[in-house]
């Protein structure tokens, strides 16, 4: 998986995120980074980035790591967000970068669901920072994965 392929995936499978300007910037096996720029199209009435657009960028930074782990397993595994939490600490203006460094949580959960056939859950965190490096929002997503039955 690379950022170019993931951004093409966005256009076809998550068009609302793509049109709002959410893009995958970097991904490796341990972390992922997404970016979105505050523009007229994705703003709220208060002149900053709409919280739902921030949520899309944050979820994507965690979700691409889950997708990557599932793809590496070469097995049929479904994924779904069961819960999420968010806190906002500053108006999101300019370019916002969401980073998730929880990639190491995915492989053990994938292995366990394939081994036991039972669903697995795990929480992943994404932190959004502005161009000055100030945290604007922190999101947490509870991912559930389950091996598909043949």
N, C-alpha and C. Protein backbone atom coordinates (compact mmCIF):
# COMPACT_ATOMS: atom_id res chain seq x y z
N UNK A 1 0.85 -1.19 0.00
CA UNK A 1 0.00 0.00 0.00
C UNK A 1 0.88 1.24 0.00
N UNK A 2 0.49 2.21 -0.81
CA UNK A 2 1.18 3.48 -0.79
C UNK A 2 0.15 4.61 -0.84
N UNK A 3 0.59 5.81 -0.57
CA UNK A 3 -0.34 6.94 -0.47
C UNK A 3 -1.06 7.21 -1.79
N UNK A 4 -0.40 7.04 -2.92
CA UNK A 4 -1.04 7.28 -4.21
C UNK A 4 -2.20 6.32 -4.45
N UNK A 5 -1.98 5.04 -4.20
CA UNK A 5 -3.05 4.05 -4.37
C UNK A 5 -4.19 4.29 -3.38
N UNK A 6 -3.85 4.66 -2.16
CA UNK A 6 -4.89 4.92 -1.16
C UNK A 6 -5.71 6.15 -1.51
N UNK A 7 -5.08 7.17 -2.09
CA UNK A 7 -5.82 8.36 -2.48
C UNK A 7 -6.74 8.08 -3.68
N UNK A 8 -6.33 7.17 -4.57
CA UNK A 8 -7.22 6.73 -5.65
C UNK A 8 -8.40 5.97 -5.07
N UNK A 9 -8.13 5.11 -4.08
CA UNK A 9 -9.18 4.38 -3.37
C UNK A 9 -10.19 5.36 -2.78
N UNK A 10 -9.68 6.45 -2.18
CA UNK A 10 -10.56 7.47 -1.59
C UNK A 10 -11.54 8.02 -2.61
N UNK A 11 -11.03 8.34 -3.79
CA UNK A 11 -11.87 8.94 -4.82
C UNK A 11 -13.06 8.04 -5.16
N UNK A 12 -12.80 6.73 -5.27
CA UNK A 12 -13.84 5.81 -5.69
C UNK A 12 -14.69 5.25 -4.54
N UNK A 13 -14.10 5.05 -3.37
CA UNK A 13 -14.81 4.39 -2.27
C UNK A 13 -15.24 5.33 -1.15
N UNK A 14 -14.58 6.45 -0.99
CA UNK A 14 -14.93 7.45 0.04
C UNK A 14 -14.94 8.85 -0.58
N UNK A 15 -15.80 9.06 -1.57
CA UNK A 15 -15.75 10.33 -2.31
C UNK A 15 -15.98 11.56 -1.45
N UNK A 16 -16.78 11.47 -0.39
CA UNK A 16 -17.00 12.65 0.45
C UNK A 16 -15.69 13.10 1.10
N UNK A 17 -14.88 12.16 1.54
CA UNK A 17 -13.58 12.51 2.13
C UNK A 17 -12.67 13.13 1.06
N UNK A 18 -12.67 12.54 -0.13
CA UNK A 18 -11.82 13.04 -1.21
C UNK A 18 -12.21 14.47 -1.57
N UNK A 19 -13.52 14.72 -1.76
CA UNK A 19 -13.97 16.06 -2.14
C UNK A 19 -13.70 17.09 -1.05
N UNK A 20 -13.67 16.65 0.22
CA UNK A 20 -13.36 17.57 1.32
C UNK A 20 -11.86 17.85 1.44
N UNK A 21 -11.05 17.13 0.66
CA UNK A 21 -9.61 17.40 0.65
C UNK A 21 -8.78 16.48 1.52
N UNK A 22 -9.37 15.43 2.08
CA UNK A 22 -8.63 14.49 2.92
C UNK A 22 -7.72 13.65 2.01
N UNK A 23 -6.45 13.56 2.38
CA UNK A 23 -5.50 12.77 1.59
C UNK A 23 -4.55 12.01 2.53
N UNK A 24 -4.16 10.80 2.11
CA UNK A 24 -3.13 10.05 2.82
C UNK A 24 -1.80 10.67 2.41
N UNK A 25 -1.00 11.03 3.39
CA UNK A 25 0.31 11.63 3.10
C UNK A 25 1.44 10.61 3.21
N UNK A 26 1.43 9.82 4.29
CA UNK A 26 2.49 8.82 4.51
C UNK A 26 1.89 7.60 5.17
N UNK A 27 2.47 6.45 4.86
CA UNK A 27 2.08 5.22 5.55
C UNK A 27 3.28 4.28 5.56
N UNK A 28 3.49 3.63 6.71
CA UNK A 28 4.43 2.52 6.82
C UNK A 28 3.76 1.49 7.72
N UNK A 29 4.48 0.46 8.14
CA UNK A 29 3.80 -0.59 8.90
C UNK A 29 3.43 -0.17 10.32
N UNK A 30 4.00 0.91 10.83
CA UNK A 30 3.73 1.33 12.20
C UNK A 30 2.89 2.59 12.33
N UNK A 31 2.87 3.41 11.28
CA UNK A 31 2.19 4.70 11.40
C UNK A 31 1.61 5.15 10.06
N UNK A 32 0.69 6.08 10.17
CA UNK A 32 0.09 6.68 8.98
C UNK A 32 -0.23 8.14 9.27
N UNK A 33 -0.20 8.93 8.21
CA UNK A 33 -0.44 10.36 8.32
C UNK A 33 -1.41 10.77 7.21
N UNK A 34 -2.44 11.52 7.58
CA UNK A 34 -3.35 12.10 6.61
C UNK A 34 -3.31 13.62 6.77
N UNK A 35 -3.70 14.30 5.70
CA UNK A 35 -3.72 15.76 5.76
C UNK A 35 -5.01 16.28 5.14
N UNK A 36 -5.42 17.41 5.65
CA UNK A 36 -6.56 18.13 5.09
C UNK A 36 -6.34 19.61 5.34
N UNK A 37 -6.67 20.41 4.34
CA UNK A 37 -6.50 21.86 4.45
C UNK A 37 -7.88 22.51 4.65
N UNK A 38 -7.94 23.42 5.62
CA UNK A 38 -9.16 24.19 5.86
C UNK A 38 -9.42 25.08 4.64
N UNK A 39 -10.60 24.91 4.06
CA UNK A 39 -11.02 25.71 2.91
C UNK A 39 -12.49 26.09 3.10
N UNK A 40 -12.98 26.95 2.23
CA UNK A 40 -14.37 27.36 2.29
C UNK A 40 -15.29 26.14 2.23
N UNK A 41 -14.97 25.19 1.40
CA UNK A 41 -15.82 24.02 1.15
C UNK A 41 -15.98 23.13 2.38
N UNK A 42 -15.00 23.05 3.26
CA UNK A 42 -15.06 22.13 4.39
C UNK A 42 -15.08 22.84 5.75
N UNK A 43 -15.49 24.10 5.76
CA UNK A 43 -15.49 24.85 7.01
C UNK A 43 -16.82 24.76 7.73
N UNK A 44 -16.80 25.13 8.99
CA UNK A 44 -18.01 25.24 9.80
C UNK A 44 -18.42 26.72 9.84
N UNK A 45 -19.53 27.05 10.47
CA UNK A 45 -19.96 28.47 10.52
C UNK A 45 -19.03 29.37 11.33
N UNK A 46 -18.09 28.79 12.05
CA UNK A 46 -17.19 29.56 12.91
C UNK A 46 -15.84 29.81 12.27
N UNK A 47 -15.70 29.48 10.99
CA UNK A 47 -14.49 29.80 10.25
C UNK A 47 -13.33 28.84 10.48
N UNK A 48 -13.62 27.62 10.90
CA UNK A 48 -12.56 26.62 11.03
C UNK A 48 -13.02 25.32 10.39
N UNK A 49 -12.15 24.34 10.38
CA UNK A 49 -12.42 23.05 9.74
C UNK A 49 -13.55 22.33 10.47
N UNK A 50 -14.57 21.92 9.72
CA UNK A 50 -15.73 21.23 10.28
C UNK A 50 -15.27 19.97 11.00
N UNK A 51 -15.86 19.69 12.17
CA UNK A 51 -15.42 18.55 12.99
C UNK A 51 -15.54 17.23 12.24
N UNK A 52 -16.54 17.07 11.40
CA UNK A 52 -16.73 15.81 10.68
C UNK A 52 -15.63 15.58 9.66
N UNK A 53 -15.12 16.65 9.06
CA UNK A 53 -13.99 16.52 8.13
C UNK A 53 -12.75 16.10 8.90
N UNK A 54 -12.56 16.67 10.08
CA UNK A 54 -11.45 16.24 10.93
C UNK A 54 -11.59 14.76 11.27
N UNK A 55 -12.83 14.34 11.57
CA UNK A 55 -13.09 12.94 11.88
C UNK A 55 -12.76 12.01 10.73
N UNK A 56 -13.09 12.44 9.50
CA UNK A 56 -12.77 11.61 8.33
C UNK A 56 -11.26 11.44 8.19
N UNK A 57 -10.52 12.54 8.35
CA UNK A 57 -9.06 12.47 8.23
C UNK A 57 -8.46 11.62 9.35
N UNK A 58 -8.98 11.79 10.55
CA UNK A 58 -8.47 11.02 11.69
C UNK A 58 -8.78 9.54 11.52
N UNK A 59 -10.02 9.21 11.16
CA UNK A 59 -10.39 7.80 10.98
C UNK A 59 -9.54 7.16 9.89
N UNK A 60 -9.31 7.89 8.81
CA UNK A 60 -8.51 7.34 7.71
C UNK A 60 -7.09 7.03 8.16
N UNK A 61 -6.51 7.86 9.02
CA UNK A 61 -5.14 7.60 9.48
C UNK A 61 -5.04 6.31 10.29
N UNK A 62 -6.13 5.92 10.94
CA UNK A 62 -6.14 4.64 11.66
C UNK A 62 -6.57 3.51 10.73
N UNK A 63 -7.58 3.79 9.91
CA UNK A 63 -8.16 2.76 9.06
C UNK A 63 -7.21 2.21 8.01
N UNK A 64 -6.34 3.06 7.46
CA UNK A 64 -5.40 2.55 6.46
C UNK A 64 -4.42 1.55 7.08
N UNK A 65 -4.12 1.71 8.36
CA UNK A 65 -3.25 0.75 9.04
C UNK A 65 -3.96 -0.58 9.23
N UNK A 66 -5.27 -0.53 9.53
CA UNK A 66 -6.06 -1.76 9.65
C UNK A 66 -6.16 -2.43 8.29
N UNK A 67 -6.45 -1.65 7.24
CA UNK A 67 -6.53 -2.19 5.89
C UNK A 67 -5.22 -2.86 5.48
N UNK A 68 -4.12 -2.21 5.81
CA UNK A 68 -2.80 -2.75 5.48
C UNK A 68 -2.57 -4.09 6.17
N UNK A 69 -2.93 -4.19 7.44
CA UNK A 69 -2.77 -5.44 8.18
C UNK A 69 -3.63 -6.56 7.62
N UNK A 70 -4.84 -6.23 7.23
CA UNK A 70 -5.73 -7.23 6.63
C UNK A 70 -5.20 -7.68 5.27
N UNK A 71 -4.74 -6.73 4.47
CA UNK A 71 -4.18 -7.06 3.15
C UNK A 71 -2.97 -7.98 3.28
N UNK A 72 -2.10 -7.71 4.24
CA UNK A 72 -0.92 -8.55 4.45
C UNK A 72 -1.29 -9.97 4.85
N UNK A 73 -2.41 -10.15 5.52
CA UNK A 73 -2.81 -11.49 5.97
C UNK A 73 -3.29 -12.36 4.81
N UNK A 74 -3.71 -11.72 3.72
CA UNK A 74 -4.24 -12.42 2.54
C UNK A 74 -5.43 -13.31 2.89
N UNK A 75 -6.18 -12.92 3.91
CA UNK A 75 -7.36 -13.66 4.35
C UNK A 75 -8.57 -12.72 4.32
N UNK A 76 -9.74 -13.31 4.30
CA UNK A 76 -10.96 -12.52 4.33
C UNK A 76 -11.28 -12.05 5.74
N UNK A 77 -11.12 -10.78 5.98
CA UNK A 77 -11.38 -10.20 7.30
C UNK A 77 -12.17 -8.92 7.09
N UNK A 78 -13.25 -8.77 7.86
CA UNK A 78 -14.03 -7.54 7.79
C UNK A 78 -13.57 -6.59 8.89
N UNK A 79 -13.79 -5.29 8.65
CA UNK A 79 -13.39 -4.27 9.62
C UNK A 79 -14.51 -3.25 9.75
N UNK A 80 -14.65 -2.72 10.97
CA UNK A 80 -15.71 -1.76 11.23
C UNK A 80 -15.36 -0.95 12.48
N UNK A 81 -15.69 0.33 12.46
CA UNK A 81 -15.53 1.15 13.66
C UNK A 81 -16.75 0.91 14.55
N UNK A 82 -16.51 0.51 15.79
CA UNK A 82 -17.60 0.26 16.74
C UNK A 82 -17.89 1.49 17.60
N UNK A 83 -16.86 2.22 17.97
CA UNK A 83 -17.00 3.42 18.81
C UNK A 83 -15.93 4.43 18.44
N UNK A 84 -16.18 5.66 18.81
CA UNK A 84 -15.13 6.66 18.69
C UNK A 84 -15.32 7.74 19.75
N UNK A 85 -14.21 8.40 20.05
CA UNK A 85 -14.19 9.51 21.00
C UNK A 85 -13.38 10.62 20.36
N UNK A 86 -13.74 11.85 20.67
CA UNK A 86 -12.98 12.97 20.12
C UNK A 86 -12.92 14.11 21.13
N UNK A 87 -11.81 14.81 21.11
CA UNK A 87 -11.69 16.04 21.90
C UNK A 87 -11.02 17.09 21.02
N UNK A 88 -11.47 18.31 21.16
CA UNK A 88 -10.98 19.42 20.34
C UNK A 88 -10.36 20.46 21.25
N UNK A 89 -9.18 20.91 20.90
CA UNK A 89 -8.46 21.81 21.79
C UNK A 89 -8.15 23.17 21.19
N UNK A 90 -8.33 23.32 19.87
CA UNK A 90 -8.01 24.58 19.21
C UNK A 90 -8.73 24.61 17.87
N UNK A 91 -9.08 25.82 17.38
CA UNK A 91 -9.68 25.93 16.06
C UNK A 91 -8.72 25.35 15.02
N UNK A 92 -9.27 24.55 14.13
CA UNK A 92 -8.46 23.93 13.07
C UNK A 92 -8.49 24.83 11.84
N UNK A 93 -7.35 25.47 11.59
CA UNK A 93 -7.20 26.35 10.43
C UNK A 93 -5.91 26.00 9.72
N UNK A 94 -5.86 26.27 8.43
CA UNK A 94 -4.68 25.93 7.65
C UNK A 94 -4.64 24.43 7.37
N UNK A 95 -3.45 23.91 7.18
CA UNK A 95 -3.31 22.47 6.93
C UNK A 95 -3.22 21.72 8.25
N UNK A 96 -4.05 20.69 8.37
CA UNK A 96 -4.07 19.87 9.58
C UNK A 96 -3.57 18.48 9.22
N UNK A 97 -2.65 17.97 10.02
CA UNK A 97 -2.08 16.64 9.81
C UNK A 97 -2.50 15.74 10.95
N UNK A 98 -3.15 14.63 10.59
CA UNK A 98 -3.55 13.62 11.58
C UNK A 98 -2.57 12.46 11.51
N UNK A 99 -2.02 12.09 12.67
CA UNK A 99 -1.03 11.02 12.74
C UNK A 99 -1.50 9.93 13.69
N UNK A 100 -1.32 8.69 13.24
CA UNK A 100 -1.59 7.52 14.07
C UNK A 100 -0.33 6.69 14.12
N UNK A 101 0.13 6.36 15.31
CA UNK A 101 1.33 5.56 15.51
C UNK A 101 1.01 4.21 16.15
N UNK A 102 -0.21 3.71 15.96
CA UNK A 102 -0.65 2.48 16.62
C UNK A 102 -0.67 1.27 15.69
N UNK A 103 0.10 1.30 14.62
CA UNK A 103 0.10 0.20 13.67
C UNK A 103 0.46 -1.15 14.26
N UNK A 104 1.23 -1.16 15.35
CA UNK A 104 1.63 -2.42 15.97
C UNK A 104 0.47 -3.16 16.64
N UNK A 105 -0.67 -2.51 16.78
CA UNK A 105 -1.84 -3.16 17.39
C UNK A 105 -2.58 -4.07 16.41
N UNK A 106 -2.36 -3.86 15.12
CA UNK A 106 -3.16 -4.53 14.10
C UNK A 106 -2.77 -6.00 13.92
N UNK A 107 -1.50 -6.29 13.71
CA UNK A 107 -1.05 -7.66 13.41
C UNK A 107 -1.48 -8.67 14.47
N UNK A 108 -1.30 -8.39 15.76
CA UNK A 108 -1.74 -9.36 16.76
C UNK A 108 -3.25 -9.61 16.73
N UNK A 109 -4.03 -8.56 16.47
CA UNK A 109 -5.48 -8.73 16.40
C UNK A 109 -5.88 -9.55 15.18
N UNK A 110 -5.21 -9.30 14.05
CA UNK A 110 -5.47 -10.09 12.84
C UNK A 110 -5.12 -11.55 13.09
N UNK A 111 -3.96 -11.79 13.67
CA UNK A 111 -3.53 -13.17 13.95
C UNK A 111 -4.53 -13.86 14.89
N UNK A 112 -4.98 -13.15 15.90
CA UNK A 112 -5.90 -13.74 16.88
C UNK A 112 -7.26 -14.08 16.26
N UNK A 113 -7.79 -13.17 15.42
CA UNK A 113 -9.08 -13.46 14.81
C UNK A 113 -8.99 -14.62 13.82
N UNK A 114 -7.85 -14.76 13.15
CA UNK A 114 -7.67 -15.89 12.23
C UNK A 114 -7.49 -17.20 13.00
N UNK A 115 -6.81 -17.11 14.13
CA UNK A 115 -6.55 -18.29 14.96
C UNK A 115 -7.81 -18.81 15.64
N UNK A 116 -8.60 -17.89 16.19
CA UNK A 116 -9.75 -18.29 17.01
C UNK A 116 -11.09 -18.22 16.26
N UNK A 117 -11.14 -17.44 15.19
CA UNK A 117 -12.40 -17.23 14.49
C UNK A 117 -13.30 -16.22 15.19
N UNK A 118 -12.83 -15.69 16.31
CA UNK A 118 -13.60 -14.71 17.07
C UNK A 118 -13.20 -13.29 16.66
N UNK A 119 -14.18 -12.39 16.76
CA UNK A 119 -13.89 -10.99 16.49
C UNK A 119 -12.93 -10.41 17.52
N UNK A 120 -12.19 -9.42 17.10
CA UNK A 120 -11.23 -8.74 17.97
C UNK A 120 -11.52 -7.24 17.93
N UNK A 121 -11.28 -6.57 19.04
CA UNK A 121 -11.43 -5.12 19.09
C UNK A 121 -10.15 -4.50 19.65
N UNK A 122 -9.87 -3.29 19.18
CA UNK A 122 -8.71 -2.55 19.68
C UNK A 122 -8.92 -1.07 19.38
N UNK A 123 -8.38 -0.24 20.24
CA UNK A 123 -8.49 1.21 20.10
C UNK A 123 -7.24 1.77 19.44
N UNK A 124 -7.44 2.72 18.53
CA UNK A 124 -6.32 3.41 17.88
C UNK A 124 -6.57 4.92 18.02
N UNK A 125 -5.48 5.66 18.21
CA UNK A 125 -5.55 7.10 18.43
C UNK A 125 -4.93 7.85 17.25
N UNK A 126 -5.56 8.95 16.91
CA UNK A 126 -5.04 9.85 15.88
C UNK A 126 -5.03 11.27 16.43
N UNK A 127 -3.90 11.93 16.30
CA UNK A 127 -3.76 13.29 16.82
C UNK A 127 -3.61 14.25 15.64
N UNK A 128 -4.44 15.29 15.64
CA UNK A 128 -4.39 16.30 14.59
C UNK A 128 -3.63 17.52 15.05
N UNK A 129 -2.68 17.95 14.22
CA UNK A 129 -1.88 19.13 14.55
C UNK A 129 -1.92 20.12 13.40
N UNK A 130 -1.85 21.41 13.75
CA UNK A 130 -1.82 22.45 12.73
C UNK A 130 -0.38 22.68 12.28
N UNK A 131 -0.20 23.65 11.39
CA UNK A 131 1.13 23.91 10.83
C UNK A 131 2.13 24.40 11.87
N UNK A 132 1.65 24.96 12.97
CA UNK A 132 2.54 25.41 14.05
C UNK A 132 2.92 24.26 14.98
N UNK A 133 2.32 23.08 14.77
CA UNK A 133 2.59 21.93 15.63
C UNK A 133 1.69 21.84 16.84
N UNK A 134 0.69 22.71 16.92
CA UNK A 134 -0.26 22.69 18.04
C UNK A 134 -1.34 21.64 17.79
N UNK A 135 -1.67 20.88 18.82
CA UNK A 135 -2.73 19.89 18.71
C UNK A 135 -4.07 20.59 18.61
N UNK A 136 -4.85 20.24 17.59
CA UNK A 136 -6.18 20.81 17.42
C UNK A 136 -7.27 19.81 17.82
N UNK A 137 -6.98 18.51 17.66
CA UNK A 137 -7.98 17.49 17.99
C UNK A 137 -7.30 16.15 18.21
N UNK A 138 -7.92 15.34 19.05
CA UNK A 138 -7.49 13.97 19.28
C UNK A 138 -8.70 13.07 19.12
N UNK A 139 -8.57 12.07 18.27
CA UNK A 139 -9.65 11.11 18.03
C UNK A 139 -9.17 9.73 18.43
N UNK A 140 -10.08 8.94 18.96
CA UNK A 140 -9.82 7.53 19.25
C UNK A 140 -10.93 6.71 18.59
N UNK A 141 -10.53 5.62 17.94
CA UNK A 141 -11.47 4.75 17.24
C UNK A 141 -11.31 3.33 17.75
N UNK A 142 -12.44 2.71 18.09
CA UNK A 142 -12.43 1.30 18.46
C UNK A 142 -12.74 0.50 17.19
N UNK A 143 -11.74 -0.18 16.68
CA UNK A 143 -11.89 -1.00 15.49
C UNK A 143 -12.28 -2.41 15.88
N UNK A 144 -13.16 -3.01 15.11
CA UNK A 144 -13.50 -4.42 15.27
C UNK A 144 -13.14 -5.12 13.98
N UNK A 145 -12.52 -6.26 14.11
CA UNK A 145 -12.22 -7.08 12.94
C UNK A 145 -12.73 -8.48 13.20
N UNK A 146 -13.11 -9.15 12.13
CA UNK A 146 -13.66 -10.51 12.25
C UNK A 146 -13.31 -11.27 10.99
N UNK A 147 -12.88 -12.52 11.16
CA UNK A 147 -12.61 -13.39 10.00
C UNK A 147 -13.93 -13.71 9.32
N UNK A 148 -13.95 -13.60 8.00
CA UNK A 148 -15.16 -13.93 7.25
C UNK A 148 -15.27 -15.44 7.13
N UNK A 149 -16.50 -15.91 7.22
CA UNK A 149 -16.74 -17.35 7.07
C UNK A 149 -16.82 -17.68 5.60
N UNK A 150 -16.27 -18.81 5.23
CA UNK A 150 -16.31 -19.23 3.81
C UNK A 150 -17.59 -19.93 3.47
